[in-house]
Amino acid sequence: MNKKLPKKPKIILLANDKVGLEIAKYLKQREENIVGLVLHPQTKAKSTYEIKKAVKTKNIFYADQINSKLYLNKIKKLNPDLALSMWFGYILKKEFIKLFPFGCINLHNSYLPLNRGKYPHVWAIYKNSKYGVSVHKVDEKIDAGNIIARKEIKIKQTDIAGTLYDRSLKEIIKLFISTWPSFKNGKIKTIKQKDKIATTYFARDVEKINFIDIDKKYLGKELINNLRARSFSNRTYAYFLYKGKKTYVKISLSEQPNF
């Protein structure tokens, strides 16, 4: 079982985008004690104004600052109990993690330990692997800490990367909200991840599946899954070369209508 937190734990909230905003609102509705807020730098931030408005703290830090000794000391002086990394896109270093006696919690849109790292929705489609969302403890490895909760999301035959990603955001918010009260009260038994079955991907890895070789023979399923994995509603990353120039291609799928 995880350790029971103090009644009003001092929380450092690391938040970005719609997921971070919705969870910030939820925590404030519960009157949780958020003593500090960490945001993405302005060039990479989303929903920053709304998150600040929801949290209402004077102790605001930025992701490109928190690993410096100056800002680590400032956070330490707040005597925080726990860090919540809610759609925060930066790796947390050992010096930061050690500030929190109850650790750090992170969200990841995969069914851990599968598809750790970047773009798990892409790899779930491309590799035809089990997919879902997870709440987990943070350690020094990428998305490798003990699992607090996870939920499987079935991949539909009509899903592309964009639709699967959008659905995962809704489910990960629901999962955190349903898990937080039990976690706070020390009623959750965490699960150690099985490294033997884990898969991890980096941002650079998707570049290897962007290129479609039009002179290569593909199985139909292989090619369709490749295109699904790189297609979004308003953009695509899959391309082929024609006369030395890139031509981008994406796929759209629909079920047979019932007449």
C-alpha atoms as a PDB file:
ATOM      1  CA  MET A   1       0.000   0.000   0.000  1.00  0.00           C
ATOM      2  CA  ASN A   2       1.149   3.541  -0.628  1.00  0.00           C
ATOM      3  CA  LYS A   3       1.759   5.749   2.414  1.00  0.00           C
ATOM      4  CA  LYS A   4      -1.186   7.803   3.590  1.00  0.00           C
ATOM      5  CA  LEU A   5      -0.629  11.484   2.886  1.00  0.00           C
ATOM      6  CA  PRO A   6      -1.173  14.258   5.437  1.00  0.00           C
ATOM      7  CA  LYS A   7      -4.747  15.581   5.541  1.00  0.00           C
ATOM      8  CA  LYS A   8      -3.669  18.680   3.621  1.00  0.00           C
ATOM      9  CA  PRO A   9      -0.500  17.666   1.778  1.00  0.00           C
ATOM     10  CA  LYS A  10       1.606  20.463   0.332  1.00  0.00           C
ATOM     11  CA  ILE A  11       1.517  19.898  -3.406  1.00  0.00           C
ATOM     12  CA  ILE A  12       3.742  21.170  -6.186  1.00  0.00           C
ATOM     13  CA  LEU A  13       1.644  20.970  -9.346  1.00  0.00           C
ATOM     14  CA  LEU A  14       3.412  20.620 -12.693  1.00  0.00           C
ATOM     15  CA  ALA A  15       0.738  21.249 -15.298  1.00  0.00           C
ATOM     16  CA  ASN A  16       0.242  21.915 -18.988  1.00  0.00           C
ATOM     17  CA  ASP A  17      -2.495  21.865 -21.621  1.00  0.00           C
ATOM     18  CA  LYS A  18      -6.102  20.753 -21.154  1.00  0.00           C
ATOM     19  CA  VAL A  19      -5.256  17.753 -18.981  1.00  0.00           C
ATOM     20  CA  GLY A  20      -3.226  19.885 -16.578  1.00  0.00           C
ATOM     21  CA  LEU A  21      -5.983  22.497 -16.519  1.00  0.00           C
ATOM     22  CA  GLU A  22      -8.808  20.060 -15.773  1.00  0.00           C
ATOM     23  CA  ILE A  23      -6.853  18.428 -12.965  1.00  0.00           C
ATOM     24  CA  ALA A  24      -5.855  21.827 -11.548  1.00  0.00           C
ATOM     25  CA  LYS A  25      -9.560  22.739 -11.420  1.00  0.00           C
ATOM     26  CA  TYR A  26     -10.402  19.418  -9.762  1.00  0.00           C
ATOM     27  CA  LEU A  27      -7.739  19.849  -7.079  1.00  0.00           C
ATOM     28  CA  LYS A  28      -8.867  23.380  -6.287  1.00  0.00           C
ATOM     29  CA  GLN A  29     -12.501  22.266  -6.060  1.00  0.00           C
ATOM     30  CA  ARG A  30     -11.350  19.799  -3.419  1.00  0.00           C
ATOM     31  CA  GLU A  31      -9.452  22.625  -1.720  1.00  0.00           C
ATOM     32  CA  GLU A  32      -6.155  20.774  -1.990  1.00  0.00           C
ATOM     33  CA  ASN A  33      -3.116  22.687  -0.773  1.00  0.00           C
ATOM     34  CA  ILE A  34      -1.184  23.618  -3.931  1.00  0.00           C
ATOM     35  CA  VAL A  35       1.840  25.554  -2.665  1.00  0.00           C
ATOM     36  CA  GLY A  36       3.637  25.916  -5.992  1.00  0.00           C
ATOM     37  CA  LEU A  37       3.049  25.658  -9.717  1.00  0.00           C
ATOM     38  CA  VAL A  38       5.493  24.612 -12.445  1.00  0.00           C
ATOM     39  CA  LEU A  39       4.648  25.519 -16.051  1.00  0.00           C
ATOM     40  CA  HIS A  40       6.152  24.987 -19.462  1.00  0.00           C
ATOM     41  CA  PRO A  41       8.219  27.853 -20.869  1.00  0.00           C
ATOM     42  CA  GLN A  42       6.092  30.339 -22.794  1.00  0.00           C
ATOM     43  CA  THR A  43       7.089  29.002 -26.222  1.00  0.00           C
ATOM     44  CA  LYS A  44       5.889  25.483 -25.330  1.00  0.00           C
ATOM     45  CA  ALA A  45       3.061  26.259 -22.920  1.00  0.00           C
ATOM     46  CA  LYS A  46      -0.634  25.575 -23.441  1.00  0.00           C
ATOM     47  CA  SER A  47      -3.527  26.723 -21.222  1.00  0.00           C
ATOM     48  CA  THR A  48      -1.037  28.607 -19.012  1.00  0.00           C
ATOM     49  CA  TYR A  49      -3.293  31.560 -18.244  1.00  0.00           C
ATOM     50  CA  GLU A  50      -6.216  29.307 -17.316  1.00  0.00           C
ATOM     51  CA  ILE A  51      -4.030  27.081 -15.113  1.00  0.00           C
ATOM     52  CA  LYS A  52      -2.624  30.101 -13.246  1.00  0.00           C
ATOM     53  CA  LYS A  53      -6.158  31.414 -12.751  1.00  0.00           C
ATOM     54  CA  ALA A  54      -7.344  28.065 -11.400  1.00  0.00           C
ATOM     55  CA  VAL A  55      -4.434  27.502  -9.004  1.00  0.00           C
ATOM     56  CA  LYS A  56      -3.936  31.065  -7.711  1.00  0.00           C
ATOM     57  CA  THR A  57      -0.455  30.775  -6.217  1.00  0.00           C
ATOM     58  CA  LYS A  58       2.379  33.285  -6.148  1.00  0.00           C
ATOM     59  CA  ASN A  59       4.977  30.505  -6.252  1.00  0.00           C
ATOM     60  CA  ILE A  60       5.322  29.951  -9.985  1.00  0.00           C
ATOM     61  CA  PHE A  61       8.294  28.216 -11.599  1.00  0.00           C
ATOM     62  CA  TYR A  62       9.104  27.144 -15.145  1.00  0.00           C
ATOM     63  CA  ALA A  63      10.336  23.841 -16.524  1.00  0.00           C
ATOM     64  CA  ASP A  64      13.610  25.260 -17.809  1.00  0.00           C
ATOM     65  CA  GLN A  65      14.407  26.559 -14.302  1.00  0.00           C
ATOM     66  CA  ILE A  66      13.544  23.789 -11.872  1.00  0.00           C
ATOM     67  CA  ASN A  67      16.782  21.834 -12.165  1.00  0.00           C
ATOM     68  CA  SER A  68      18.927  24.796 -11.161  1.00  0.00           C
ATOM     69  CA  LYS A  69      20.145  24.943  -7.539  1.00  0.00           C
ATOM     70  CA  LEU A  70      18.481  28.322  -7.056  1.00  0.00           C
ATOM     71  CA  TYR A  71      14.996  27.081  -7.925  1.00  0.00           C
ATOM     72  CA  LEU A  72      15.453  23.689  -6.281  1.00  0.00           C
ATOM     73  CA  ASN A  73      16.187  25.559  -3.049  1.00  0.00           C
ATOM     74  CA  LYS A  74      13.145  27.803  -3.520  1.00  0.00           C
ATOM     75  CA  ILE A  75      10.907  24.765  -3.959  1.00  0.00           C
ATOM     76  CA  LYS A  76      12.549  23.018  -0.992  1.00  0.00           C
ATOM     77  CA  LYS A  77      11.720  25.989   1.262  1.00  0.00           C
ATOM     78  CA  LEU A  78       8.032  25.408   0.545  1.00  0.00           C
ATOM     79  CA  ASN A  79       8.358  22.047   2.374  1.00  0.00           C
ATOM     80  CA  PRO A  80       6.323  20.164  -0.239  1.00  0.00           C
ATOM     81  CA  ASP A  81       5.024  16.649   0.395  1.00  0.00           C
ATOM     82  CA  LEU A  82       4.198  15.563  -3.136  1.00  0.00           C
ATOM     83  CA  ALA A  83       4.619  16.565  -6.777  1.00  0.00           C
ATOM     84  CA  LEU A  84       1.895  15.977  -9.361  1.00  0.00           C
ATOM     85  CA  SER A  85       3.114  15.932 -12.955  1.00  0.00           C
ATOM     86  CA  MET A  86      -0.069  16.477 -14.936  1.00  0.00           C
ATOM     87  CA  TRP A  87       0.705  16.377 -18.661  1.00  0.00           C
ATOM     88  CA  PHE A  88       4.091  17.905 -17.978  1.00  0.00           C
ATOM     89  CA  GLY A  89       6.434  17.323 -20.886  1.00  0.00           C
ATOM     90  CA  TYR A  90       9.824  17.482 -19.193  1.00  0.00           C
ATOM     91  CA  ILE A  91      11.939  14.767 -17.578  1.00  0.00           C
ATOM     92  CA  LEU A  92      12.253  15.226 -13.824  1.00  0.00           C
ATOM     93  CA  LYS A  93      15.771  14.782 -12.505  1.00  0.00           C
ATOM     94  CA  LYS A  94      16.849  12.993  -9.337  1.00  0.00           C
ATOM     95  CA  GLU A  95      17.546  16.247  -7.471  1.00  0.00           C
ATOM     96  CA  PHE A  96      13.970  17.382  -8.050  1.00  0.00           C
ATOM     97  CA  ILE A  97      12.349  14.039  -7.200  1.00  0.00           C
ATOM     98  CA  LYS A  98      14.242  13.862  -3.905  1.00  0.00           C
ATOM     99  CA  LEU A  99      12.504  17.031  -2.650  1.00  0.00           C
ATOM    100  CA  PHE A 100       9.238  15.158  -2.080  1.00  0.00           C
ATOM    101  CA  PRO A 101       8.890  12.689   0.815  1.00  0.00           C
ATOM    102  CA  PHE A 102       5.776  11.183  -0.808  1.00  0.00           C
ATOM    103  CA  GLY A 103       7.314  11.201  -4.279  1.00  0.00           C
ATOM    104  CA  CYS A 104       6.042  12.393  -7.637  1.00  0.00           C
ATOM    105  CA  ILE A 105       3.034  11.161  -9.595  1.00  0.00           C
ATOM    106  CA  ASN A 106       2.903  11.244 -13.382  1.00  0.00           C
ATOM    107  CA  LEU A 107       0.310  10.585 -16.073  1.00  0.00           C
ATOM    108  CA  HIS A 108       1.146   8.580 -19.189  1.00  0.00           C
ATOM    109  CA  ASN A 109      -1.138   7.706 -22.067  1.00  0.00           C
ATOM    110  CA  SER A 110      -0.128   4.096 -22.459  1.00  0.00           C
ATOM    111  CA  TYR A 111      -0.887   0.818 -20.714  1.00  0.00           C
ATOM    112  CA  LEU A 112       2.382   0.642 -18.827  1.00  0.00           C
ATOM    113  CA  PRO A 113       4.889  -0.920 -19.056  1.00  0.00           C
ATOM    114  CA  LEU A 114       4.094  -0.939 -22.781  1.00  0.00           C
ATOM    115  CA  ASN A 115       5.051   2.072 -24.884  1.00  0.00           C
ATOM    116  CA  ARG A 116       6.940   4.146 -22.374  1.00  0.00           C
ATOM    117  CA  GLY A 117       8.279   7.465 -23.618  1.00  0.00           C
ATOM    118  CA  LYS A 118       7.075   9.509 -26.561  1.00  0.00           C
ATOM    119  CA  TYR A 119       3.997   9.079 -28.744  1.00  0.00           C
ATOM    120  CA  PRO A 120       2.575   5.895 -27.178  1.00  0.00           C
ATOM    121  CA  HIS A 121      -0.656   6.266 -29.179  1.00  0.00           C
ATOM    122  CA  VAL A 122       1.398   6.059 -32.378  1.00  0.00           C
ATOM    123  CA  TRP A 123       3.208   2.885 -31.334  1.00  0.00           C
ATOM    124  CA  ALA A 124       0.095   1.189 -30.030  1.00  0.00           C
ATOM    125  CA  ILE A 125      -1.444   1.406 -33.507  1.00  0.00           C
ATOM    126  CA  TYR A 126       1.760   0.686 -35.409  1.00  0.00           C
ATOM    127  CA  LYS A 127       2.695  -2.316 -33.260  1.00  0.00           C
ATOM    128  CA  ASN A 128      -0.918  -3.404 -32.672  1.00  0.00           C
ATOM    129  CA  SER A 129      -0.192  -3.485 -28.929  1.00  0.00           C
ATOM    130  CA  LYS A 130      -2.407  -3.115 -25.878  1.00  0.00           C
ATOM    131  CA  TYR A 131      -3.276   0.514 -25.181  1.00  0.00           C
ATOM    132  CA  GLY A 132      -4.556   2.520 -22.261  1.00  0.00           C
ATOM    133  CA  VAL A 133      -3.729   5.219 -19.731  1.00  0.00           C
ATOM    134  CA  SER A 134      -1.709   5.027 -16.521  1.00  0.00           C
ATOM    135  CA  VAL A 135      -1.040   6.915 -13.306  1.00  0.00           C
ATOM    136  CA  HIS A 136       2.380   6.039 -11.918  1.00  0.00           C
ATOM    137  CA  LYS A 137       5.127   7.023  -9.543  1.00  0.00           C
ATOM    138  CA  VAL A 138       8.150   8.815 -10.999  1.00  0.00           C
ATOM    139  CA  ASP A 139      11.661   7.426 -10.723  1.00  0.00           C
ATOM    140  CA  GLU A 140      14.859   8.223 -12.602  1.00  0.00           C
ATOM    141  CA  LYS A 141      13.932   6.080 -15.598  1.00  0.00           C
ATOM    142  CA  ILE A 142      11.414   7.098 -18.249  1.00  0.00           C
ATOM    143  CA  ASP A 143       7.835   6.172 -17.246  1.00  0.00           C
ATOM    144  CA  ALA A 144       9.168   3.222 -15.240  1.00  0.00           C
ATOM    145  CA  GLY A 145       7.937   3.902 -11.694  1.00  0.00           C
ATOM    146  CA  ASN A 146       5.385   1.773  -9.854  1.00  0.00           C
ATOM    147  CA  ILE A 147       1.897   1.818 -11.354  1.00  0.00           C
ATOM    148  CA  ILE A 148      -0.803   3.419  -9.201  1.00  0.00           C
ATOM    149  CA  ALA A 149      -3.698   2.826 -11.604  1.00  0.00           C
ATOM    150  CA  ARG A 150      -4.240   2.021 -15.272  1.00  0.00           C
ATOM    151  CA  LYS A 151      -7.128   1.506 -17.628  1.00  0.00           C
ATOM    152  CA  GLU A 152      -7.216  -0.222 -20.982  1.00  0.00           C
ATOM    153  CA  ILE A 153      -8.590   1.606 -24.020  1.00  0.00           C
ATOM    154  CA  LYS A 154      -9.702  -0.585 -26.887  1.00  0.00           C
ATOM    155  CA  ILE A 155      -8.290   0.528 -30.229  1.00  0.00           C
ATOM    156  CA  LYS A 156     -11.074   0.756 -32.796  1.00  0.00           C
ATOM    157  CA  GLN A 157     -10.467  -0.422 -36.344  1.00  0.00           C
ATOM    158  CA  THR A 158     -11.319   3.123 -37.471  1.00  0.00           C
ATOM    159  CA  ASP A 159      -8.867   4.822 -35.088  1.00  0.00           C
ATOM    160  CA  ILE A 160      -6.001   6.911 -36.359  1.00  0.00           C
ATOM    161  CA  ALA A 161      -3.351   8.347 -34.047  1.00  0.00           C
ATOM    162  CA  GLY A 162      -5.314  11.570 -33.625  1.00  0.00           C
ATOM    163  CA  THR A 163      -8.610   9.987 -32.566  1.00  0.00           C
ATOM    164  CA  LEU A 164      -6.891   7.575 -30.190  1.00  0.00           C
ATOM    165  CA  TYR A 165      -4.890  10.397 -28.609  1.00  0.00           C
ATOM    166  CA  ASP A 166      -8.000  12.559 -28.113  1.00  0.00           C
ATOM    167  CA  ARG A 167      -9.828   9.696 -26.441  1.00  0.00           C
ATOM    168  CA  SER A 168      -6.875   8.970 -24.171  1.00  0.00           C
ATOM    169  CA  LEU A 169      -6.866  12.548 -22.826  1.00  0.00           C
ATOM    170  CA  LYS A 170     -10.458  12.221 -21.628  1.00  0.00           C
ATOM    171  CA  GLU A 171      -9.752   8.847 -20.042  1.00  0.00           C
ATOM    172  CA  ILE A 172      -6.570   9.933 -18.280  1.00  0.00           C
ATOM    173  CA  ILE A 173      -8.385  12.819 -16.575  1.00  0.00           C
ATOM    174  CA  LYS A 174     -11.116  10.430 -15.427  1.00  0.00           C
ATOM    175  CA  LEU A 175      -8.528   7.932 -14.180  1.00  0.00           C
ATOM    176  CA  PHE A 176      -6.669  10.477 -12.061  1.00  0.00           C
ATOM    177  CA  ILE A 177      -9.877  11.881 -10.577  1.00  0.00           C
ATOM    178  CA  SER A 178     -11.161   8.412  -9.664  1.00  0.00           C
ATOM    179  CA  THR A 179      -7.765   7.417  -8.198  1.00  0.00           C
ATOM    180  CA  TRP A 180      -6.719  10.506  -6.228  1.00  0.00           C
ATOM    181  CA  PRO A 181      -8.926  10.107  -3.110  1.00  0.00           C
ATOM    182  CA  SER A 182      -7.825   6.487  -2.574  1.00  0.00           C
ATOM    183  CA  PHE A 183      -4.188   7.318  -3.216  1.00  0.00           C
ATOM    184  CA  LYS A 184      -4.301  10.226  -0.803  1.00  0.00           C
ATOM    185  CA  ASN A 185      -5.746   7.972   1.901  1.00  0.00           C
ATOM    186  CA  GLY A 186      -3.081   5.291   1.412  1.00  0.00           C
ATOM    187  CA  LYS A 187      -5.523   2.712   0.067  1.00  0.00           C
ATOM    188  CA  ILE A 188      -3.811   1.806  -3.195  1.00  0.00           C
ATOM    189  CA  LYS A 189      -1.356  -1.037  -3.658  1.00  0.00           C
ATOM    190  CA  THR A 190       1.065   0.007  -6.362  1.00  0.00           C
ATOM    191  CA  ILE A 191       2.294  -2.438  -9.006  1.00  0.00           C
ATOM    192  CA  LYS A 192       5.950  -2.824  -9.871  1.00  0.00           C
ATOM    193  CA  GLN A 193       6.482  -2.609 -13.626  1.00  0.00           C
ATOM    194  CA  LYS A 194       7.836  -5.652 -15.450  1.00  0.00           C
ATOM    195  CA  ASP A 195      10.874  -4.399 -17.323  1.00  0.00           C
ATOM    196  CA  LYS A 196      11.076  -7.652 -19.313  1.00  0.00           C
ATOM    197  CA  ILE A 197       7.931  -6.797 -21.253  1.00  0.00           C
ATOM    198  CA  ALA A 198       8.446  -3.034 -21.335  1.00  0.00           C
ATOM    199  CA  THR A 199       8.901  -1.073 -24.559  1.00  0.00           C
ATOM    200  CA  THR A 200      10.307   2.453 -24.715  1.00  0.00           C
ATOM    201  CA  TYR A 201      10.332   4.931 -27.577  1.00  0.00           C
ATOM    202  CA  PHE A 202      12.004   8.289 -28.107  1.00  0.00           C
ATOM    203  CA  ALA A 203      10.889  11.250 -30.226  1.00  0.00           C
ATOM    204  CA  ARG A 204      13.384  10.405 -32.951  1.00  0.00           C
ATOM    205  CA  ASP A 205      11.990   6.885 -33.375  1.00  0.00           C
ATOM    206  CA  VAL A 206       8.864   8.002 -35.254  1.00  0.00           C
ATOM    207  CA  GLU A 207      11.022   9.366 -38.056  1.00  0.00           C
ATOM    208  CA  LYS A 208      11.766   5.751 -39.009  1.00  0.00           C
ATOM    209  CA  ILE A 209       8.098   5.058 -39.793  1.00  0.00           C
ATOM    210  CA  ASN A 210       7.238   8.317 -41.528  1.00  0.00           C
ATOM    211  CA  PHE A 211       8.718   7.277 -44.857  1.00  0.00           C
ATOM    212  CA  ILE A 212       6.578   5.050 -47.106  1.00  0.00           C
ATOM    213  CA  ASP A 213       8.681   3.330 -49.768  1.00  0.00           C
ATOM    214  CA  ILE A 214       6.428   3.140 -52.837  1.00  0.00           C
ATOM    215  CA  ASP A 215       8.777   0.592 -54.433  1.00  0.00           C
ATOM    216  CA  LYS A 216       8.515  -1.777 -51.483  1.00  0.00           C
ATOM    217  CA  LYS A 217       5.975  -4.587 -51.096  1.00  0.00           C
ATOM    218  CA  TYR A 218       3.861  -4.201 -47.953  1.00  0.00           C
ATOM    219  CA  LEU A 219       1.186  -6.395 -46.469  1.00  0.00           C
ATOM    220  CA  GLY A 220      -2.073  -4.489 -46.626  1.00  0.00           C
ATOM    221  CA  LYS A 221      -2.475  -4.503 -42.832  1.00  0.00           C
ATOM    222  CA  GLU A 222       1.102  -3.302 -42.354  1.00  0.00           C
ATOM    223  CA  LEU A 223       0.687  -0.333 -44.693  1.00  0.00           C
ATOM    224  CA  ILE A 224      -2.718   0.651 -43.315  1.00  0.00           C
ATOM    225  CA  ASN A 225      -1.460   0.535 -39.725  1.00  0.00           C
ATOM    226  CA  ASN A 226       1.569   2.587 -40.715  1.00  0.00           C
ATOM    227  CA  LEU A 227      -0.661   5.292 -42.181  1.00  0.00           C
ATOM    228  CA  ARG A 228      -3.095   5.135 -39.249  1.00  0.00           C
ATOM    229  CA  ALA A 229      -0.225   5.592 -36.806  1.00  0.00           C
ATOM    230  CA  ARG A 230       0.956   8.797 -38.474  1.00  0.00           C
ATOM    231  CA  SER A 231      -2.409  10.380 -39.338  1.00  0.00           C
ATOM    232  CA  PHE A 232      -4.137  13.133 -37.385  1.00  0.00           C
ATOM    233  CA  SER A 233      -7.311  15.055 -38.166  1.00  0.00           C
ATOM    234  CA  ASN A 234      -5.505  18.169 -39.410  1.00  0.00           C
ATOM    235  CA  ARG A 235      -2.078  16.864 -40.365  1.00  0.00           C
ATOM    236  CA  THR A 236      -0.012  13.840 -41.267  1.00  0.00           C
ATOM    237  CA  TYR A 237       3.608  12.815 -40.985  1.00  0.00           C
ATOM    238  CA  ALA A 238       3.657   9.885 -43.421  1.00  0.00           C
ATOM    239  CA  TYR A 239       5.113  10.625 -46.835  1.00  0.00           C
ATOM    240  CA  PHE A 240       6.565   9.052 -49.969  1.00  0.00           C
ATOM    241  CA  LEU A 241       9.094  10.434 -52.406  1.00  0.00           C
ATOM    242  CA  TYR A 242       8.163  11.235 -55.979  1.00  0.00           C
ATOM    243  CA  LYS A 243      10.829  12.723 -58.219  1.00  0.00           C
ATOM    244  CA  GLY A 244      12.791  13.604 -55.126  1.00  0.00           C
ATOM    245  CA  LYS A 245       9.986  15.550 -53.471  1.00  0.00           C
ATOM    246  CA  LYS A 246       7.924  14.567 -50.450  1.00  0.00           C
ATOM    247  CA  THR A 247       4.243  13.882 -50.927  1.00  0.00           C
ATOM    248  CA  TYR A 248       2.346  13.584 -47.657  1.00  0.00           C
ATOM    249  CA  VAL A 249      -0.454  11.076 -47.258  1.00  0.00           C
ATOM    250  CA  LYS A 250      -2.914  10.281 -44.488  1.00  0.00           C
ATOM    251  CA  ILE A 251      -5.725   7.828 -44.065  1.00  0.00           C
ATOM    252  CA  SER A 252      -9.358   8.211 -43.022  1.00  0.00           C
ATOM    253  CA  LEU A 253     -11.454   5.229 -42.017  1.00  0.00           C
ATOM    254  CA  SER A 254     -15.146   4.652 -41.343  1.00  0.00           C
ATOM    255  CA  GLU A 255     -17.276   1.653 -40.517  1.00  0.00           C
ATOM    256  CA  GLN A 256     -19.778   0.286 -42.974  1.00  0.00           C
ATOM    257  CA  PRO A 257     -23.058   2.140 -42.356  1.00  0.00           C
ATOM    258  CA  ASN A 258     -26.136   0.246 -41.244  1.00  0.00           C
ATOM    259  CA  PHE A 259     -28.942   0.677 -43.731  1.00  0.00           C
END
